[in-house]
Amino acid sequence: MNANFTGILGLVHLALVVWAAVSILGSGASQGQKVLWILLVLLFPVVGLIIWFLAGPKKM
């Protein structure tokens, strides 16, 4: 795989993780739920983002 393409994918992934973390912190979920969601997104990068996108806490 081309190194430039890999770097771009890394930046996209980082942007998605930051966006997810900001959205999680701004949600109406309890503090414990927020911590669990952020850990899920950080520990399971691709799967965690997909699960968060489909079932994560929504803004209230």
C-alpha atoms as a PDB file:
ATOM      1  CA  MET A   1       0.000   0.000   0.000  1.00  0.00           C
ATOM      2  CA  ASN A   2       1.259   3.456  -0.798  1.00  0.00           C
ATOM      3  CA  ALA A   3       2.730   5.307   2.212  1.00  0.00           C
ATOM      4  CA  ASN A   4       0.835   8.513   1.370  1.00  0.00           C
ATOM      5  CA  PHE A   5      -2.480   6.645   1.258  1.00  0.00           C
ATOM      6  CA  THR A   6      -1.721   5.007   4.613  1.00  0.00           C
ATOM      7  CA  GLY A   7      -0.935   8.389   6.139  1.00  0.00           C
ATOM      8  CA  ILE A   8      -4.183   9.870   4.839  1.00  0.00           C
ATOM      9  CA  LEU A   9      -6.160   6.940   6.273  1.00  0.00           C
ATOM     10  CA  GLY A  10      -4.432   7.481   9.614  1.00  0.00           C
ATOM     11  CA  LEU A  11      -5.399  11.154   9.638  1.00  0.00           C
ATOM     12  CA  VAL A  12      -8.996  10.320   8.719  1.00  0.00           C
ATOM     13  CA  HIS A  13      -9.141   7.767  11.526  1.00  0.00           C
ATOM     14  CA  LEU A  14      -7.696  10.261  14.015  1.00  0.00           C
ATOM     15  CA  ALA A  15     -10.243  12.892  12.967  1.00  0.00           C
ATOM     16  CA  LEU A  16     -13.098  10.384  13.398  1.00  0.00           C
ATOM     17  CA  VAL A  17     -11.883   9.376  16.868  1.00  0.00           C
ATOM     18  CA  VAL A  18     -11.606  13.019  17.970  1.00  0.00           C
ATOM     19  CA  TRP A  19     -15.058  13.761  16.525  1.00  0.00           C
ATOM     20  CA  ALA A  20     -16.516  10.719  18.330  1.00  0.00           C
ATOM     21  CA  ALA A  21     -14.903  11.713  21.641  1.00  0.00           C
ATOM     22  CA  VAL A  22     -16.219  15.280  21.407  1.00  0.00           C
ATOM     23  CA  SER A  23     -19.702  14.004  20.528  1.00  0.00           C
ATOM     24  CA  ILE A  24     -19.635  11.514  23.384  1.00  0.00           C
ATOM     25  CA  LEU A  25     -18.543  14.152  25.888  1.00  0.00           C
ATOM     26  CA  GLY A  26     -21.306  16.487  24.680  1.00  0.00           C
ATOM     27  CA  SER A  27     -24.009  13.840  24.911  1.00  0.00           C
ATOM     28  CA  GLY A  28     -26.592  13.485  27.652  1.00  0.00           C
ATOM     29  CA  ALA A  29     -25.170  10.165  28.857  1.00  0.00           C
ATOM     30  CA  SER A  30     -23.960   9.665  32.426  1.00  0.00           C
ATOM     31  CA  GLN A  31     -20.284  10.074  33.233  1.00  0.00           C
ATOM     32  CA  GLY A  32     -19.817   6.299  33.489  1.00  0.00           C
ATOM     33  CA  GLN A  33     -21.406   5.712  30.105  1.00  0.00           C
ATOM     34  CA  LYS A  34     -19.256   8.411  28.542  1.00  0.00           C
ATOM     35  CA  VAL A  35     -16.092   6.772  29.888  1.00  0.00           C
ATOM     36  CA  LEU A  36     -17.172   3.364  28.592  1.00  0.00           C
ATOM     37  CA  TRP A  37     -17.993   4.729  25.130  1.00  0.00           C
ATOM     38  CA  ILE A  38     -14.669   6.545  24.854  1.00  0.00           C
ATOM     39  CA  LEU A  39     -12.792   3.410  25.971  1.00  0.00           C
ATOM     40  CA  LEU A  40     -14.682   1.359  23.383  1.00  0.00           C
ATOM     41  CA  VAL A  41     -13.764   3.807  20.610  1.00  0.00           C
ATOM     42  CA  LEU A  42     -10.106   3.948  21.693  1.00  0.00           C
ATOM     43  CA  LEU A  43      -9.545   0.235  22.361  1.00  0.00           C
ATOM     44  CA  PHE A  44     -11.390  -1.082  19.298  1.00  0.00           C
ATOM     45  CA  PRO A  45     -10.686   1.588  16.681  1.00  0.00           C
ATOM     46  CA  VAL A  46     -12.724   0.498  13.660  1.00  0.00           C
ATOM     47  CA  VAL A  47     -15.360  -1.645  15.357  1.00  0.00           C
ATOM     48  CA  GLY A  48     -15.730   0.837  18.215  1.00  0.00           C
ATOM     49  CA  LEU A  49     -16.390   3.703  15.808  1.00  0.00           C
ATOM     50  CA  ILE A  50     -18.971   1.678  13.905  1.00  0.00           C
ATOM     51  CA  ILE A  51     -20.773   0.627  17.105  1.00  0.00           C
ATOM     52  CA  TRP A  52     -20.676   4.194  18.422  1.00  0.00           C
ATOM     53  CA  PHE A  53     -22.044   5.542  15.140  1.00  0.00           C
ATOM     54  CA  LEU A  54     -24.936   3.052  15.153  1.00  0.00           C
ATOM     55  CA  ALA A  55     -25.816   2.864  18.848  1.00  0.00           C
ATOM     56  CA  GLY A  56     -23.879   5.545  20.692  1.00  0.00           C
ATOM     57  CA  PRO A  57     -25.269   8.244  22.931  1.00  0.00           C
ATOM     58  CA  LYS A  58     -27.057  11.023  21.098  1.00  0.00           C
ATOM     59  CA  LYS A  59     -27.056  14.728  21.939  1.00  0.00           C
ATOM     60  CA  MET A  60     -29.983  15.862  24.023  1.00  0.00           C
END
